[in-house]
Amino acid sequence: MSPVIPPSLIEAARSGDVRGANLAVYIELHEWLDAEEYRTVTAWWIADRLKMSARRVYQALDKLHGCGYLAEGKKLGKARTFRLTAPRSRAVQVLECNGLHIS
């Protein structure tokens, strides 16, 4: 079950739409994180995958953490460890409620 990021959301995120950036980063994280264990994430890696600036990714990670969508573990240099705060099945429901399709 991989989330499909709508192209319009990616374009909005790249053009400076903060909500779009937050959602795009959350969807990308959903592919790699779960609620059971912490995993290491680097903003540069996400930025490269989404073709966004690392600064925007860091802002999205901070916002998602501040809103309770992510739990943060250790900081390892520029890498940080996170886990989702809800089981993957709940994250899928959240995404689908926001009109984002899971395939």
PDB file of N, CA and C in Angstrom:
ATOM      1  N   MET A   1       0.832  -1.179   0.000  1.00  0.00           N
ATOM      2  CA  MET A   1       0.000   0.000   0.000  1.00  0.00           C
ATOM      3  C   MET A   1       0.874   1.239   0.000  1.00  0.00           C
ATOM      4  N   SER A   2       1.115   1.790  -1.143  1.00  0.00           N
ATOM      5  CA  SER A   2       1.920   2.992  -1.249  1.00  0.00           C
ATOM      6  C   SER A   2       1.016   4.179  -1.532  1.00  0.00           C
ATOM      7  N   PRO A   3       1.217   5.278  -0.830  1.00  0.00           N
ATOM      8  CA  PRO A   3       0.422   6.458  -1.109  1.00  0.00           C
ATOM      9  C   PRO A   3       0.809   7.069  -2.453  1.00  0.00           C
ATOM     10  N   VAL A   4      -0.175   7.573  -3.154  1.00  0.00           N
ATOM     11  CA  VAL A   4       0.066   8.242  -4.421  1.00  0.00           C
ATOM     12  C   VAL A   4      -0.038   9.737  -4.163  1.00  0.00           C
ATOM     13  N   ILE A   5       1.061  10.439  -4.349  1.00  0.00           N
ATOM     14  CA  ILE A   5       1.065  11.883  -4.120  1.00  0.00           C
ATOM     15  C   ILE A   5       0.554  12.560  -5.383  1.00  0.00           C
ATOM     16  N   PRO A   6      -0.570  13.280  -5.287  1.00  0.00           N
ATOM     17  CA  PRO A   6      -1.085  13.963  -6.469  1.00  0.00           C
ATOM     18  C   PRO A   6      -0.082  14.979  -7.005  1.00  0.00           C
ATOM     19  N   PRO A   7       0.133  15.016  -8.328  1.00  0.00           N
ATOM     20  CA  PRO A   7       1.082  15.975  -8.910  1.00  0.00           C
ATOM     21  C   PRO A   7       0.775  17.421  -8.519  1.00  0.00           C
ATOM     22  N   SER A   8      -0.501  17.762  -8.387  1.00  0.00           N
ATOM     23  CA  SER A   8      -0.859  19.135  -8.018  1.00  0.00           C
ATOM     24  C   SER A   8      -0.353  19.476  -6.612  1.00  0.00           C
ATOM     25  N   LEU A   9      -0.340  18.483  -5.716  1.00  0.00           N
ATOM     26  CA  LEU A   9       0.165  18.711  -4.365  1.00  0.00           C
ATOM     27  C   LEU A   9       1.670  18.937  -4.379  1.00  0.00           C
ATOM     28  N   ILE A  10       2.380  18.172  -5.177  1.00  0.00           N
ATOM     29  CA  ILE A  10       3.836  18.346  -5.303  1.00  0.00           C
ATOM     30  C   ILE A  10       4.145  19.729  -5.867  1.00  0.00           C
ATOM     31  N   GLU A  11       3.422  20.137  -6.903  1.00  0.00           N
ATOM     32  CA  GLU A  11       3.655  21.460  -7.499  1.00  0.00           C
ATOM     33  C   GLU A  11       3.367  22.568  -6.491  1.00  0.00           C
ATOM     34  N   ALA A  12       2.282  22.420  -5.728  1.00  0.00           N
ATOM     35  CA  ALA A  12       1.949  23.427  -4.711  1.00  0.00           C
ATOM     36  C   ALA A  12       3.059  23.504  -3.667  1.00  0.00           C
ATOM     37  N   ALA A  13       3.554  22.341  -3.239  1.00  0.00           N
ATOM     38  CA  ALA A  13       4.615  22.304  -2.237  1.00  0.00           C
ATOM     39  C   ALA A  13       5.878  22.971  -2.753  1.00  0.00           C
ATOM     40  N   ARG A  14       6.229  22.708  -4.005  1.00  0.00           N
ATOM     41  CA  ARG A  14       7.443  23.293  -4.592  1.00  0.00           C
ATOM     42  C   ARG A  14       7.311  24.800  -4.763  1.00  0.00           C
ATOM     43  N   SER A  15       6.095  25.268  -4.965  1.00  0.00           N
ATOM     44  CA  SER A  15       5.908  26.702  -5.197  1.00  0.00           C
ATOM     45  C   SER A  15       5.777  27.496  -3.901  1.00  0.00           C
ATOM     46  N   GLY A  16       5.859  26.825  -2.767  1.00  0.00           N
ATOM     47  CA  GLY A  16       5.853  27.555  -1.502  1.00  0.00           C
ATOM     48  C   GLY A  16       4.614  27.361  -0.654  1.00  0.00           C
ATOM     49  N   ASP A  17       3.677  26.522  -1.087  1.00  0.00           N
ATOM     50  CA  ASP A  17       2.481  26.249  -0.301  1.00  0.00           C
ATOM     51  C   ASP A  17       2.883  25.394   0.904  1.00  0.00           C
ATOM     52  N   VAL A  18       2.829  25.976   2.100  1.00  0.00           N
ATOM     53  CA  VAL A  18       3.295  25.290   3.300  1.00  0.00           C
ATOM     54  C   VAL A  18       2.435  24.058   3.593  1.00  0.00           C
ATOM     55  N   ARG A  19       1.124  24.173   3.492  1.00  0.00           N
ATOM     56  CA  ARG A  19       0.251  23.024   3.747  1.00  0.00           C
ATOM     57  C   ARG A  19       0.553  21.899   2.755  1.00  0.00           C
ATOM     58  N   GLY A  20       0.748  22.264   1.503  1.00  0.00           N
ATOM     59  CA  GLY A  20       1.082  21.271   0.489  1.00  0.00           C
ATOM     60  C   GLY A  20       2.396  20.578   0.797  1.00  0.00           C
ATOM     61  N   ALA A  21       3.375  21.357   1.247  1.00  0.00           N
ATOM     62  CA  ALA A  21       4.678  20.773   1.602  1.00  0.00           C
ATOM     63  C   ALA A  21       4.530  19.824   2.782  1.00  0.00           C
ATOM     64  N   ASN A  22       3.764  20.229   3.797  1.00  0.00           N
ATOM     65  CA  ASN A  22       3.566  19.381   4.969  1.00  0.00           C
ATOM     66  C   ASN A  22       2.913  18.060   4.576  1.00  0.00           C
ATOM     67  N   LEU A  23       1.872  18.129   3.748  1.00  0.00           N
ATOM     68  CA  LEU A  23       1.184  16.917   3.315  1.00  0.00           C
ATOM     69  C   LEU A  23       2.088  16.034   2.463  1.00  0.00           C
ATOM     70  N   ALA A  24       2.835  16.633   1.553  1.00  0.00           N
ATOM     71  CA  ALA A  24       3.724  15.852   0.685  1.00  0.00           C
ATOM     72  C   ALA A  24       4.781  15.127   1.510  1.00  0.00           C
ATOM     73  N   VAL A  25       5.359  15.817   2.489  1.00  0.00           N
ATOM     74  CA  VAL A  25       6.372  15.188   3.344  1.00  0.00           C
ATOM     75  C   VAL A  25       5.730  14.087   4.183  1.00  0.00           C
ATOM     76  N   TYR A  26       4.524  14.331   4.706  1.00  0.00           N
ATOM     77  CA  TYR A  26       3.841  13.306   5.497  1.00  0.00           C
ATOM     78  C   TYR A  26       3.565  12.057   4.664  1.00  0.00           C
ATOM     79  N   ILE A  27       3.127  12.262   3.440  1.00  0.00           N
ATOM     80  CA  ILE A  27       2.845  11.121   2.560  1.00  0.00           C
ATOM     81  C   ILE A  27       4.130  10.348   2.279  1.00  0.00           C
ATOM     82  N   GLU A  28       5.210  11.064   2.015  1.00  0.00           N
ATOM     83  CA  GLU A  28       6.488  10.403   1.754  1.00  0.00           C
ATOM     84  C   GLU A  28       6.958   9.629   2.997  1.00  0.00           C
ATOM     85  N   LEU A  29       6.807  10.222   4.167  1.00  0.00           N
ATOM     86  CA  LEU A  29       7.200   9.546   5.400  1.00  0.00           C
ATOM     87  C   LEU A  29       6.348   8.309   5.639  1.00  0.00           C
ATOM     88  N   HIS A  30       5.083   8.385   5.273  1.00  0.00           N
ATOM     89  CA  HIS A  30       4.178   7.258   5.457  1.00  0.00           C
ATOM     90  C   HIS A  30       4.706   6.011   4.749  1.00  0.00           C
ATOM     91  N   GLU A  31       5.420   6.223   3.650  1.00  0.00           N
ATOM     92  CA  GLU A  31       5.997   5.104   2.900  1.00  0.00           C
ATOM     93  C   GLU A  31       7.093   4.397   3.702  1.00  0.00           C
ATOM     94  N   TRP A  32       7.800   5.138   4.564  1.00  0.00           N
ATOM     95  CA  TRP A  32       8.998   4.603   5.211  1.00  0.00           C
ATOM     96  C   TRP A  32       8.882   4.404   6.715  1.00  0.00           C
ATOM     97  N   LEU A  33       7.930   5.046   7.351  1.00  0.00           N
ATOM     98  CA  LEU A  33       7.829   4.968   8.805  1.00  0.00           C
ATOM     99  C   LEU A  33       6.644   4.112   9.233  1.00  0.00           C
ATOM    100  N   ASP A  34       6.677   3.667  10.472  1.00  0.00           N
ATOM    101  CA  ASP A  34       5.511   3.026  11.060  1.00  0.00           C
ATOM    102  C   ASP A  34       5.419   3.458  12.520  1.00  0.00           C
ATOM    103  N   ALA A  35       4.415   2.964  13.231  1.00  0.00           N
ATOM    104  CA  ALA A  35       4.189   3.401  14.605  1.00  0.00           C
ATOM    105  C   ALA A  35       4.953   2.562  15.626  1.00  0.00           C
ATOM    106  N   GLU A  36       5.523   1.450  15.195  1.00  0.00           N
ATOM    107  CA  GLU A  36       6.152   0.533  16.141  1.00  0.00           C
ATOM    108  C   GLU A  36       7.607   0.864  16.455  1.00  0.00           C
ATOM    109  N   GLU A  37       8.329   1.434  15.515  1.00  0.00           N
ATOM    110  CA  GLU A  37       9.750   1.683  15.752  1.00  0.00           C
ATOM    111  C   GLU A  37      10.187   3.001  15.124  1.00  0.00           C
ATOM    112  N   TYR A  38      11.254   3.555  15.704  1.00  0.00           N
ATOM    113  CA  TYR A  38      11.837   4.771  15.154  1.00  0.00           C
ATOM    114  C   TYR A  38      12.727   4.404  13.975  1.00  0.00           C
ATOM    115  N   ARG A  39      12.717   5.241  12.962  1.00  0.00           N
ATOM    116  CA  ARG A  39      13.600   5.053  11.816  1.00  0.00           C
ATOM    117  C   ARG A  39      14.263   6.381  11.499  1.00  0.00           C
ATOM    118  N   THR A  40      15.468   6.291  10.962  1.00  0.00           N
ATOM    119  CA  THR A  40      16.238   7.495  10.658  1.00  0.00           C
ATOM    120  C   THR A  40      15.757   8.120   9.353  1.00  0.00           C
ATOM    121  N   VAL A  41      15.614   9.437   9.373  1.00  0.00           N
ATOM    122  CA  VAL A  41      15.175  10.205   8.213  1.00  0.00           C
ATOM    123  C   VAL A  41      16.119  11.390   8.046  1.00  0.00           C
ATOM    124  N   THR A  42      16.539  11.659   6.821  1.00  0.00           N
ATOM    125  CA  THR A  42      17.290  12.888   6.566  1.00  0.00           C
ATOM    126  C   THR A  42      16.468  13.774   5.643  1.00  0.00           C
ATOM    127  N   ALA A  43      16.469  15.048   5.954  1.00  0.00           N
ATOM    128  CA  ALA A  43      15.712  16.003   5.141  1.00  0.00           C
ATOM    129  C   ALA A  43      16.250  16.032   3.709  1.00  0.00           C
ATOM    130  N   TRP A  44      17.563  15.856   3.559  1.00  0.00           N
ATOM    131  CA  TRP A  44      18.152  15.895   2.215  1.00  0.00           C
ATOM    132  C   TRP A  44      17.602  14.772   1.346  1.00  0.00           C
ATOM    133  N   TRP A  45      17.429  13.592   1.943  1.00  0.00           N
ATOM    134  CA  TRP A  45      16.922  12.434   1.199  1.00  0.00           C
ATOM    135  C   TRP A  45      15.472  12.679   0.763  1.00  0.00           C
ATOM    136  N   ILE A  46      14.654  13.186   1.686  1.00  0.00           N
ATOM    137  CA  ILE A  46      13.259  13.484   1.339  1.00  0.00           C
ATOM    138  C   ILE A  46      13.212  14.593   0.299  1.00  0.00           C
ATOM    139  N   ALA A  47      14.033  15.617   0.487  1.00  0.00           N
ATOM    140  CA  ALA A  47      14.062  16.744  -0.451  1.00  0.00           C
ATOM    141  C   ALA A  47      14.409  16.273  -1.854  1.00  0.00           C
ATOM    142  N   ASP A  48      15.360  15.373  -1.945  1.00  0.00           N
ATOM    143  CA  ASP A  48      15.753  14.840  -3.253  1.00  0.00           C
ATOM    144  C   ASP A  48      14.606  14.058  -3.886  1.00  0.00           C
ATOM    145  N   ARG A  49      13.927  13.243  -3.092  1.00  0.00           N
ATOM    146  CA  ARG A  49      12.814  12.437  -3.623  1.00  0.00           C
ATOM    147  C   ARG A  49      11.644  13.307  -4.076  1.00  0.00           C
ATOM    148  N   LEU A  50      11.372  14.392  -3.343  1.00  0.00           N
ATOM    149  CA  LEU A  50      10.233  15.258  -3.657  1.00  0.00           C
ATOM    150  C   LEU A  50      10.618  16.462  -4.513  1.00  0.00           C
ATOM    151  N   LYS A  51      11.926  16.633  -4.771  1.00  0.00           N
ATOM    152  CA  LYS A  51      12.424  17.787  -5.538  1.00  0.00           C
ATOM    153  C   LYS A  51      12.005  19.101  -4.870  1.00  0.00           C
ATOM    154  N   MET A  52      12.186  19.145  -3.551  1.00  0.00           N
ATOM    155  CA  MET A  52      11.906  20.337  -2.753  1.00  0.00           C
ATOM    156  C   MET A  52      13.198  20.739  -2.049  1.00  0.00           C
ATOM    157  N   SER A  53      13.219  21.918  -1.472  1.00  0.00           N
ATOM    158  CA  SER A  53      14.406  22.331  -0.717  1.00  0.00           C
ATOM    159  C   SER A  53      14.435  21.607   0.630  1.00  0.00           C
ATOM    160  N   ALA A  54      15.636  21.338   1.110  1.00  0.00           N
ATOM    161  CA  ALA A  54      15.782  20.690   2.416  1.00  0.00           C
ATOM    162  C   ALA A  54      15.211  21.586   3.512  1.00  0.00           C
ATOM    163  N   ARG A  55      15.343  22.885   3.345  1.00  0.00           N
ATOM    164  CA  ARG A  55      14.799  23.820   4.335  1.00  0.00           C
ATOM    165  C   ARG A  55      13.295  23.644   4.478  1.00  0.00           C
ATOM    166  N   ARG A  56      12.597  23.525   3.350  1.00  0.00           N
ATOM    167  CA  ARG A  56      11.145  23.333   3.388  1.00  0.00           C
ATOM    168  C   ARG A  56      10.799  21.996   4.040  1.00  0.00           C
ATOM    169  N   VAL A  57      11.612  20.971   3.774  1.00  0.00           N
ATOM    170  CA  VAL A  57      11.378  19.657   4.387  1.00  0.00           C
ATOM    171  C   VAL A  57      11.574  19.740   5.898  1.00  0.00           C
ATOM    172  N   TYR A  58      12.653  20.422   6.352  1.00  0.00           N
ATOM    173  CA  TYR A  58      12.869  20.593   7.791  1.00  0.00           C
ATOM    174  C   TYR A  58      11.676  21.304   8.433  1.00  0.00           C
ATOM    175  N   GLN A  59      11.156  22.334   7.770  1.00  0.00           N
ATOM    176  CA  GLN A  59       9.998  23.051   8.302  1.00  0.00           C
ATOM    177  C   GLN A  59       8.786  22.123   8.403  1.00  0.00           C
ATOM    178  N   ALA A  60       8.595  21.294   7.377  1.00  0.00           N
ATOM    179  CA  ALA A  60       7.463  20.364   7.397  1.00  0.00           C
ATOM    180  C   ALA A  60       7.628  19.331   8.514  1.00  0.00           C
ATOM    181  N   LEU A  61       8.846  18.806   8.676  1.00  0.00           N
ATOM    182  CA  LEU A  61       9.091  17.836   9.757  1.00  0.00           C
ATOM    183  C   LEU A  61       8.797  18.455  11.116  1.00  0.00           C
ATOM    184  N   ASP A  62       9.244  19.693  11.319  1.00  0.00           N
ATOM    185  CA  ASP A  62       8.984  20.384  12.589  1.00  0.00           C
ATOM    186  C   ASP A  62       7.486  20.579  12.804  1.00  0.00           C
ATOM    187  N   LYS A  63       6.769  20.968  11.761  1.00  0.00           N
ATOM    188  CA  LYS A  63       5.330  21.186  11.873  1.00  0.00           C
ATOM    189  C   LYS A  63       4.599  19.872  12.161  1.00  0.00           C
ATOM    190  N   LEU A  64       4.951  18.814  11.433  1.00  0.00           N
ATOM    191  CA  LEU A  64       4.311  17.514  11.631  1.00  0.00           C
ATOM    192  C   LEU A  64       4.591  16.982  13.039  1.00  0.00           C
ATOM    193  N   HIS A  65       5.800  17.219  13.531  1.00  0.00           N
ATOM    194  CA  HIS A  65       6.132  16.812  14.892  1.00  0.00           C
ATOM    195  C   HIS A  65       5.353  17.645  15.893  1.00  0.00           C
ATOM    196  N   GLY A  66       5.297  18.949  15.678  1.00  0.00           N
ATOM    197  CA  GLY A  66       4.584  19.848  16.581  1.00  0.00           C
ATOM    198  C   GLY A  66       3.090  19.589  16.640  1.00  0.00           C
ATOM    199  N   CYS A  67       2.525  19.110  15.543  1.00  0.00           N
ATOM    200  CA  CYS A  67       1.086  18.827  15.490  1.00  0.00           C
ATOM    201  C   CYS A  67       0.758  17.422  15.987  1.00  0.00           C
ATOM    202  N   GLY A  68       1.771  16.652  16.323  1.00  0.00           N
ATOM    203  CA  GLY A  68       1.523  15.332  16.875  1.00  0.00           C
ATOM    204  C   GLY A  68       1.434  14.196  15.875  1.00  0.00           C
ATOM    205  N   TYR A  69       1.741  14.451  14.604  1.00  0.00           N
ATOM    206  CA  TYR A  69       1.701  13.376  13.613  1.00  0.00           C
ATOM    207  C   TYR A  69       2.948  12.492  13.673  1.00  0.00           C
ATOM    208  N   LEU A  70       4.048  13.056  14.162  1.00  0.00           N
ATOM    209  CA  LEU A  70       5.309  12.319  14.256  1.00  0.00           C
ATOM    210  C   LEU A  70       5.833  12.397  15.678  1.00  0.00           C
ATOM    211  N   ALA A  71       6.440  11.316  16.134  1.00  0.00           N
ATOM    212  CA  ALA A  71       7.164  11.328  17.397  1.00  0.00           C
ATOM    213  C   ALA A  71       8.648  11.319  17.039  1.00  0.00           C
ATOM    214  N   GLU A  72       9.404  12.214  17.670  1.00  0.00           N
ATOM    215  CA  GLU A  72      10.827  12.313  17.350  1.00  0.00           C
ATOM    216  C   GLU A  72      11.661  11.596  18.398  1.00  0.00           C
ATOM    217  N   GLY A  73      12.650  10.873  17.924  1.00  0.00           N
ATOM    218  CA  GLY A  73      13.602  10.193  18.810  1.00  0.00           C
ATOM    219  C   GLY A  73      14.886  10.993  18.865  1.00  0.00           C
ATOM    220  N   LYS A  74      15.991  10.352  18.532  1.00  0.00           N
ATOM    221  CA  LYS A  74      17.312  10.989  18.595  1.00  0.00           C
ATOM    222  C   LYS A  74      17.596  11.845  17.373  1.00  0.00           C
ATOM    223  N   LYS A  75      18.474  12.821  17.586  1.00  0.00           N
ATOM    224  CA  LYS A  75      19.046  13.563  16.473  1.00  0.00           C
ATOM    225  C   LYS A  75      20.453  13.006  16.271  1.00  0.00           C
ATOM    226  N   LEU A  76      20.740  12.618  15.040  1.00  0.00           N
ATOM    227  CA  LEU A  76      22.034  12.025  14.709  1.00  0.00           C
ATOM    228  C   LEU A  76      22.717  12.908  13.676  1.00  0.00           C
ATOM    229  N   GLY A  77      23.353  13.973  14.124  1.00  0.00           N
ATOM    230  CA  GLY A  77      23.906  14.941  13.183  1.00  0.00           C
ATOM    231  C   GLY A  77      22.760  15.626  12.464  1.00  0.00           C
ATOM    232  N   LYS A  78      22.745  15.542  11.130  1.00  0.00           N
ATOM    233  CA  LYS A  78      21.653  16.140  10.357  1.00  0.00           C
ATOM    234  C   LYS A  78      20.485  15.179  10.194  1.00  0.00           C
ATOM    235  N   ALA A  79      20.682  13.924  10.572  1.00  0.00           N
ATOM    236  CA  ALA A  79      19.597  12.950  10.500  1.00  0.00           C
ATOM    237  C   ALA A  79      18.805  12.977  11.802  1.00  0.00           C
ATOM    238  N   ARG A  80      17.541  12.654  11.714  1.00  0.00           N
ATOM    239  CA  ARG A  80      16.678  12.585  12.885  1.00  0.00           C
ATOM    240  C   ARG A  80      15.906  11.276  12.822  1.00  0.00           C
ATOM    241  N   THR A  81      15.523  10.752  13.971  1.00  0.00           N
ATOM    242  CA  THR A  81      14.725   9.543  13.968  1.00  0.00           C
ATOM    243  C   THR A  81      13.283   9.902  14.314  1.00  0.00           C
ATOM    244  N   PHE A  82      12.364   9.284  13.606  1.00  0.00           N
ATOM    245  CA  PHE A  82      10.939   9.530  13.813  1.00  0.00           C
ATOM    246  C   PHE A  82      10.182   8.222  13.767  1.00  0.00           C
ATOM    247  N   ARG A  83       8.958   8.266  14.263  1.00  0.00           N
ATOM    248  CA  ARG A  83       7.984   7.218  14.017  1.00  0.00           C
ATOM    249  C   ARG A  83       6.625   7.899  13.885  1.00  0.00           C
ATOM    250  N   LEU A  84       5.703   7.242  13.213  1.00  0.00           N
ATOM    251  CA  LEU A  84       4.345   7.756  13.132  1.00  0.00           C
ATOM    252  C   LEU A  84       3.713   7.633  14.516  1.00  0.00           C
ATOM    253  N   THR A  85       2.796   8.523  14.857  1.00  0.00           N
ATOM    254  CA  THR A  85       2.170   8.456  16.180  1.00  0.00           C
ATOM    255  C   THR A  85       0.918   7.593  16.174  1.00  0.00           C
ATOM    256  N   ALA A  86       0.518   7.128  15.017  1.00  0.00           N
ATOM    257  CA  ALA A  86      -0.641   6.239  14.916  1.00  0.00           C
ATOM    258  C   ALA A  86      -0.230   5.047  14.055  1.00  0.00           C
ATOM    259  N   PRO A  87      -0.905   3.924  14.222  1.00  0.00           N
ATOM    260  CA  PRO A  87      -0.586   2.785  13.357  1.00  0.00           C
ATOM    261  C   PRO A  87      -0.775   3.145  11.889  1.00  0.00           C
ATOM    262  N   ARG A  88      -0.078   2.437  11.022  1.00  0.00           N
ATOM    263  CA  ARG A  88      -0.145   2.679   9.579  1.00  0.00           C
ATOM    264  C   ARG A  88      -1.594   2.686   9.082  1.00  0.00           C
ATOM    265  N   SER A  89      -2.429   1.791   9.610  1.00  0.00           N
ATOM    266  CA  SER A  89      -3.824   1.733   9.162  1.00  0.00           C
ATOM    267  C   SER A  89      -4.545   3.044   9.462  1.00  0.00           C
ATOM    268  N   ARG A  90      -4.246   3.673  10.596  1.00  0.00           N
ATOM    269  CA  ARG A  90      -4.856   4.962  10.945  1.00  0.00           C
ATOM    270  C   ARG A  90      -4.330   6.062  10.032  1.00  0.00           C
ATOM    271  N   ALA A  91      -3.054   6.011   9.704  1.00  0.00           N
ATOM    272  CA  ALA A  91      -2.488   7.009   8.800  1.00  0.00           C
ATOM    273  C   ALA A  91      -3.156   6.926   7.431  1.00  0.00           C
ATOM    274  N   VAL A  92      -3.431   5.716   6.974  1.00  0.00           N
ATOM    275  CA  VAL A  92      -4.127   5.540   5.697  1.00  0.00           C
ATOM    276  C   VAL A  92      -5.496   6.201   5.752  1.00  0.00           C
ATOM    277  N   GLN A  93      -6.210   6.027   6.861  1.00  0.00           N
ATOM    278  CA  GLN A  93      -7.528   6.651   7.011  1.00  0.00           C
ATOM    279  C   GLN A  93      -7.425   8.174   6.969  1.00  0.00           C
ATOM    280  N   VAL A  94      -6.412   8.719   7.645  1.00  0.00           N
ATOM    281  CA  VAL A  94      -6.219  10.175   7.653  1.00  0.00           C
ATOM    282  C   VAL A  94      -5.981  10.680   6.235  1.00  0.00           C
ATOM    283  N   LEU A  95      -5.115   9.985   5.495  1.00  0.00           N
ATOM    284  CA  LEU A  95      -4.812  10.400   4.128  1.00  0.00           C
ATOM    285  C   LEU A  95      -6.052  10.306   3.243  1.00  0.00           C
ATOM    286  N   GLU A  96      -6.798   9.207   3.367  1.00  0.00           N
ATOM    287  CA  GLU A  96      -7.984   9.041   2.536  1.00  0.00           C
ATOM    288  C   GLU A  96      -9.050  10.079   2.872  1.00  0.00           C
ATOM    289  N   CYS A  97      -9.164  10.455   4.136  1.00  0.00           N
ATOM    290  CA  CYS A  97     -10.125  11.496   4.532  1.00  0.00           C
ATOM    291  C   CYS A  97      -9.761  12.845   3.914  1.00  0.00           C
ATOM    292  N   ASN A  98      -8.473  13.021   3.604  1.00  0.00           N
ATOM    293  CA  ASN A  98      -8.017  14.252   2.965  1.00  0.00           C
ATOM    294  C   ASN A  98      -8.028  14.140   1.448  1.00  0.00           C
ATOM    295  N   GLY A  99      -8.671  13.095   0.933  1.00  0.00           N
ATOM    296  CA  GLY A  99      -8.821  12.947  -0.508  1.00  0.00           C
ATOM    297  C   GLY A  99      -7.591  12.411  -1.214  1.00  0.00           C
ATOM    298  N   LEU A 100      -6.661  11.816  -0.472  1.00  0.00           N
ATOM    299  CA  LEU A 100      -5.451  11.281  -1.078  1.00  0.00           C
ATOM    300  C   LEU A 100      -5.603   9.772  -1.201  1.00  0.00           C
ATOM    301  N   HIS A 101      -5.347   9.246  -2.375  1.00  0.00           N
ATOM    302  CA  HIS A 101      -5.638   7.851  -2.665  1.00  0.00           C
ATOM    303  C   HIS A 101      -4.464   6.940  -2.338  1.00  0.00           C
ATOM    304  N   ILE A 102      -4.783   5.796  -1.793  1.00  0.00           N
ATOM    305  CA  ILE A 102      -3.792   4.788  -1.458  1.00  0.00           C
ATOM    306  C   ILE A 102      -3.949   3.651  -2.456  1.00  0.00           C
ATOM    307  N   SER A 103      -2.832   3.239  -3.058  1.00  0.00           N
ATOM    308  CA  SER A 103      -2.920   2.140  -4.024  1.00  0.00           C
ATOM    309  C   SER A 103      -2.223   0.911  -3.475  1.00  0.00           C
TER     310      SER A 103
END
